Amino acid sequence: GSGKTDVRTLGRLLSEMNKPDLAEKYFIRLLEQLPPNDPLLDDLYQDLANFASRAGNLDKSMEWRKKAIALQQQNELAGKQFYY
């Protein structure tokens, strides 16, 4: 698989091994390397929100979910522009 997928898989495995801080570190590193229009961003934001939620950090979970929603809205607007 691609390097992006491998890092994401590693992050998920770390989360399942009850190492959410390390998982988050890998996911944030991957986020920083992706271009702003990468389709994987939405999934990463959702994964980070889930990690934070499982760790009991609901504020951080909400922050990641808001980023995911903002990205989805931005993508919807960008998609609609092509129809004009």
N, C-alpha and C. Protein backbone atom coordinates (compact mmCIF):
# COMPACT_ATOMS: atom_id res chain seq x y z
N GLY A 1 0.82 -1.20 0.00
CA GLY A 1 0.00 0.00 0.00
C GLY A 1 0.85 1.24 0.00
N SER A 2 0.21 2.36 -0.08
CA SER A 2 0.93 3.63 -0.10
C SER A 2 1.43 3.96 1.30
N GLY A 3 2.39 4.86 1.36
CA GLY A 3 2.93 5.27 2.65
C GLY A 3 1.86 5.88 3.54
N LYS A 4 0.92 6.63 2.90
CA LYS A 4 -0.15 7.26 3.67
C LYS A 4 -1.00 6.20 4.36
N THR A 5 -1.34 5.16 3.62
CA THR A 5 -2.18 4.10 4.17
C THR A 5 -1.44 3.36 5.28
N ASP A 6 -0.13 3.14 5.09
CA ASP A 6 0.65 2.42 6.09
C ASP A 6 0.70 3.19 7.41
N VAL A 7 0.89 4.51 7.34
CA VAL A 7 0.94 5.33 8.55
C VAL A 7 -0.43 5.32 9.22
N ARG A 8 -1.49 5.39 8.43
CA ARG A 8 -2.84 5.36 9.00
C ARG A 8 -3.10 4.02 9.68
N THR A 9 -2.69 2.93 9.04
CA THR A 9 -2.86 1.61 9.63
C THR A 9 -2.08 1.50 10.94
N LEU A 10 -0.85 2.02 10.95
CA LEU A 10 -0.05 2.00 12.16
C LEU A 10 -0.74 2.78 13.28
N GLY A 11 -1.29 3.94 12.94
CA GLY A 11 -2.01 4.74 13.93
C GLY A 11 -3.19 3.99 14.51
N ARG A 12 -3.92 3.31 13.66
CA ARG A 12 -5.08 2.54 14.14
C ARG A 12 -4.65 1.38 15.04
N LEU A 13 -3.57 0.71 14.65
CA LEU A 13 -3.06 -0.38 15.48
C LEU A 13 -2.62 0.12 16.85
N LEU A 14 -1.93 1.26 16.86
CA LEU A 14 -1.50 1.83 18.14
C LEU A 14 -2.70 2.18 19.01
N SER A 15 -3.74 2.68 18.39
CA SER A 15 -4.95 3.01 19.14
C SER A 15 -5.56 1.75 19.75
N GLU A 16 -5.62 0.68 18.95
CA GLU A 16 -6.17 -0.58 19.45
C GLU A 16 -5.30 -1.19 20.55
N MET A 17 -4.00 -0.87 20.53
CA MET A 17 -3.08 -1.36 21.55
C MET A 17 -3.10 -0.47 22.79
N ASN A 18 -4.10 0.42 22.85
CA ASN A 18 -4.28 1.33 23.99
C ASN A 18 -3.12 2.32 24.11
N LYS A 19 -2.66 2.83 22.96
CA LYS A 19 -1.63 3.86 22.92
C LYS A 19 -2.15 5.04 22.09
N PRO A 20 -3.25 5.67 22.56
CA PRO A 20 -3.87 6.72 21.76
C PRO A 20 -2.99 7.94 21.54
N ASP A 21 -2.11 8.26 22.50
CA ASP A 21 -1.24 9.43 22.33
C ASP A 21 -0.27 9.21 21.17
N LEU A 22 0.29 8.01 21.10
CA LEU A 22 1.22 7.69 20.02
C LEU A 22 0.48 7.63 18.69
N ALA A 23 -0.72 7.07 18.69
CA ALA A 23 -1.53 7.01 17.47
C ALA A 23 -1.81 8.42 16.97
N GLU A 24 -2.20 9.30 17.89
CA GLU A 24 -2.51 10.68 17.51
C GLU A 24 -1.27 11.35 16.91
N LYS A 25 -0.12 11.09 17.49
CA LYS A 25 1.13 11.68 17.00
C LYS A 25 1.37 11.29 15.53
N TYR A 26 1.19 10.02 15.21
CA TYR A 26 1.39 9.56 13.84
C TYR A 26 0.36 10.18 12.89
N PHE A 27 -0.89 10.26 13.34
CA PHE A 27 -1.93 10.82 12.48
C PHE A 27 -1.70 12.30 12.22
N ILE A 28 -1.28 13.03 13.25
CA ILE A 28 -1.02 14.47 13.06
C ILE A 28 0.17 14.66 12.13
N ARG A 29 1.18 13.82 12.27
CA ARG A 29 2.33 13.90 11.35
C ARG A 29 1.86 13.67 9.91
N LEU A 30 0.99 12.71 9.71
CA LEU A 30 0.46 12.44 8.38
C LEU A 30 -0.36 13.62 7.88
N LEU A 31 -1.19 14.20 8.74
CA LEU A 31 -1.99 15.37 8.37
C LEU A 31 -1.10 16.50 7.86
N GLU A 32 0.02 16.71 8.53
CA GLU A 32 0.93 17.80 8.17
C GLU A 32 1.59 17.57 6.81
N GLN A 33 1.66 16.32 6.38
CA GLN A 33 2.32 15.99 5.11
C GLN A 33 1.36 15.99 3.93
N LEU A 34 0.06 15.96 4.19
CA LEU A 34 -0.91 15.86 3.11
C LEU A 34 -1.23 17.24 2.53
N PRO A 35 -1.49 17.29 1.22
CA PRO A 35 -1.96 18.55 0.63
C PRO A 35 -3.38 18.84 1.11
N PRO A 36 -3.79 20.11 1.11
CA PRO A 36 -5.09 20.48 1.67
C PRO A 36 -6.29 19.86 0.96
N ASN A 37 -6.11 19.34 -0.24
CA ASN A 37 -7.23 18.75 -0.97
C ASN A 37 -7.18 17.22 -1.00
N ASP A 38 -6.35 16.62 -0.17
CA ASP A 38 -6.22 15.16 -0.16
C ASP A 38 -7.49 14.53 0.38
N PRO A 39 -8.04 13.54 -0.32
CA PRO A 39 -9.29 12.91 0.14
C PRO A 39 -9.14 12.16 1.46
N LEU A 40 -7.93 11.84 1.86
CA LEU A 40 -7.70 11.12 3.12
C LEU A 40 -7.90 12.02 4.34
N LEU A 41 -7.86 13.34 4.15
CA LEU A 41 -7.98 14.27 5.28
C LEU A 41 -9.25 14.04 6.10
N ASP A 42 -10.37 13.89 5.43
CA ASP A 42 -11.64 13.70 6.13
C ASP A 42 -11.58 12.46 7.02
N ASP A 43 -11.06 11.37 6.48
CA ASP A 43 -10.95 10.13 7.26
C ASP A 43 -10.03 10.31 8.46
N LEU A 44 -8.92 11.04 8.26
CA LEU A 44 -7.99 11.25 9.36
C LEU A 44 -8.62 12.09 10.47
N TYR A 45 -9.36 13.13 10.09
CA TYR A 45 -10.04 13.94 11.10
C TYR A 45 -11.03 13.09 11.89
N GLN A 46 -11.76 12.22 11.19
CA GLN A 46 -12.71 11.34 11.87
C GLN A 46 -11.99 10.36 12.81
N ASP A 47 -10.88 9.80 12.32
CA ASP A 47 -10.10 8.88 13.16
C ASP A 47 -9.59 9.59 14.41
N LEU A 48 -9.05 10.80 14.24
CA LEU A 48 -8.54 11.56 15.38
C LEU A 48 -9.66 11.89 16.37
N ALA A 49 -10.83 12.21 15.85
CA ALA A 49 -11.98 12.48 16.72
C ALA A 49 -12.34 11.23 17.51
N ASN A 50 -12.31 10.09 16.86
CA ASN A 50 -12.63 8.83 17.54
C ASN A 50 -11.59 8.49 18.60
N PHE A 51 -10.30 8.70 18.29
CA PHE A 51 -9.25 8.44 19.28
C PHE A 51 -9.47 9.30 20.51
N ALA A 52 -9.70 10.60 20.29
CA ALA A 52 -9.88 11.54 21.40
C ALA A 52 -11.10 11.15 22.24
N SER A 53 -12.17 10.75 21.56
CA SER A 53 -13.39 10.37 22.26
C SER A 53 -13.14 9.14 23.14
N ARG A 54 -12.46 8.14 22.58
CA ARG A 54 -12.16 6.92 23.35
C ARG A 54 -11.26 7.21 24.53
N ALA A 55 -10.40 8.23 24.38
CA ALA A 55 -9.49 8.60 25.47
C ALA A 55 -10.19 9.48 26.51
N GLY A 56 -11.46 9.81 26.25
CA GLY A 56 -12.21 10.63 27.20
C GLY A 56 -12.02 12.12 27.01
N ASN A 57 -11.35 12.52 25.93
CA ASN A 57 -11.10 13.93 25.67
C ASN A 57 -12.16 14.44 24.68
N LEU A 58 -13.34 14.74 25.21
CA LEU A 58 -14.46 15.10 24.35
C LEU A 58 -14.27 16.46 23.68
N ASP A 59 -13.59 17.39 24.35
CA ASP A 59 -13.34 18.69 23.72
C ASP A 59 -12.47 18.54 22.48
N LYS A 60 -11.42 17.75 22.61
CA LYS A 60 -10.53 17.53 21.47
C LYS A 60 -11.26 16.76 20.37
N SER A 61 -12.08 15.81 20.76
CA SER A 61 -12.87 15.06 19.79
C SER A 61 -13.77 16.01 18.99
N MET A 62 -14.39 16.95 19.68
CA MET A 62 -15.27 17.91 19.01
C MET A 62 -14.47 18.81 18.06
N GLU A 63 -13.26 19.19 18.44
CA GLU A 63 -12.42 20.01 17.56
C GLU A 63 -12.15 19.28 16.25
N TRP A 64 -11.78 18.00 16.35
CA TRP A 64 -11.49 17.23 15.14
C TRP A 64 -12.75 17.05 14.30
N ARG A 65 -13.89 16.83 14.95
CA ARG A 65 -15.14 16.67 14.19
C ARG A 65 -15.51 17.97 13.47
N LYS A 66 -15.27 19.11 14.12
CA LYS A 66 -15.55 20.40 13.47
C LYS A 66 -14.67 20.59 12.25
N LYS A 67 -13.41 20.16 12.34
CA LYS A 67 -12.51 20.26 11.19
C LYS A 67 -13.00 19.37 10.05
N ALA A 68 -13.48 18.18 10.40
CA ALA A 68 -14.00 17.27 9.38
C ALA A 68 -15.22 17.87 8.70
N ILE A 69 -16.12 18.46 9.48
CA ILE A 69 -17.33 19.07 8.92
C ILE A 69 -16.97 20.25 8.03
N ALA A 70 -16.03 21.09 8.49
CA ALA A 70 -15.61 22.24 7.70
C ALA A 70 -15.01 21.78 6.37
N LEU A 71 -14.22 20.73 6.41
CA LEU A 71 -13.61 20.19 5.19
C LEU A 71 -14.68 19.64 4.25
N GLN A 72 -15.66 18.93 4.80
CA GLN A 72 -16.75 18.40 3.98
C GLN A 72 -17.52 19.52 3.31
N GLN A 73 -17.80 20.59 4.07
CA GLN A 73 -18.54 21.72 3.50
C GLN A 73 -17.72 22.41 2.42
N GLN A 74 -16.43 22.55 2.65
CA GLN A 74 -15.54 23.17 1.67
C GLN A 74 -15.51 22.33 0.39
N ASN A 75 -15.45 21.01 0.54
CA ASN A 75 -15.43 20.13 -0.63
C ASN A 75 -16.75 20.19 -1.39
N GLU A 76 -17.86 20.29 -0.65
CA GLU A 76 -19.17 20.40 -1.31
C GLU A 76 -19.25 21.69 -2.11
N LEU A 77 -18.78 22.79 -1.53
CA LEU A 77 -18.80 24.08 -2.24
C LEU A 77 -17.91 24.02 -3.47
N ALA A 78 -16.74 23.42 -3.33
CA ALA A 78 -15.82 23.32 -4.47
C ALA A 78 -16.44 22.46 -5.57
N GLY A 79 -17.14 21.40 -5.17
CA GLY A 79 -17.79 20.54 -6.16
C GLY A 79 -18.90 21.24 -6.89
N LYS A 80 -19.66 22.09 -6.20
CA LYS A 80 -20.77 22.80 -6.82
C LYS A 80 -20.28 23.86 -7.80
N GLN A 81 -19.11 24.41 -7.58
CA GLN A 81 -18.59 25.44 -8.47
C GLN A 81 -18.38 24.90 -9.88
N PHE A 82 -18.13 23.61 -10.00
CA PHE A 82 -17.88 23.04 -11.31
C PHE A 82 -19.14 22.95 -12.17
N TYR A 83 -20.29 23.08 -11.54
CA TYR A 83 -21.54 22.93 -12.29
C TYR A 83 -22.01 24.23 -12.91
N TYR A 84 -21.39 25.35 -12.57
CA TYR A 84 -21.84 26.63 -13.10
C TYR A 84 -21.23 26.92 -14.44
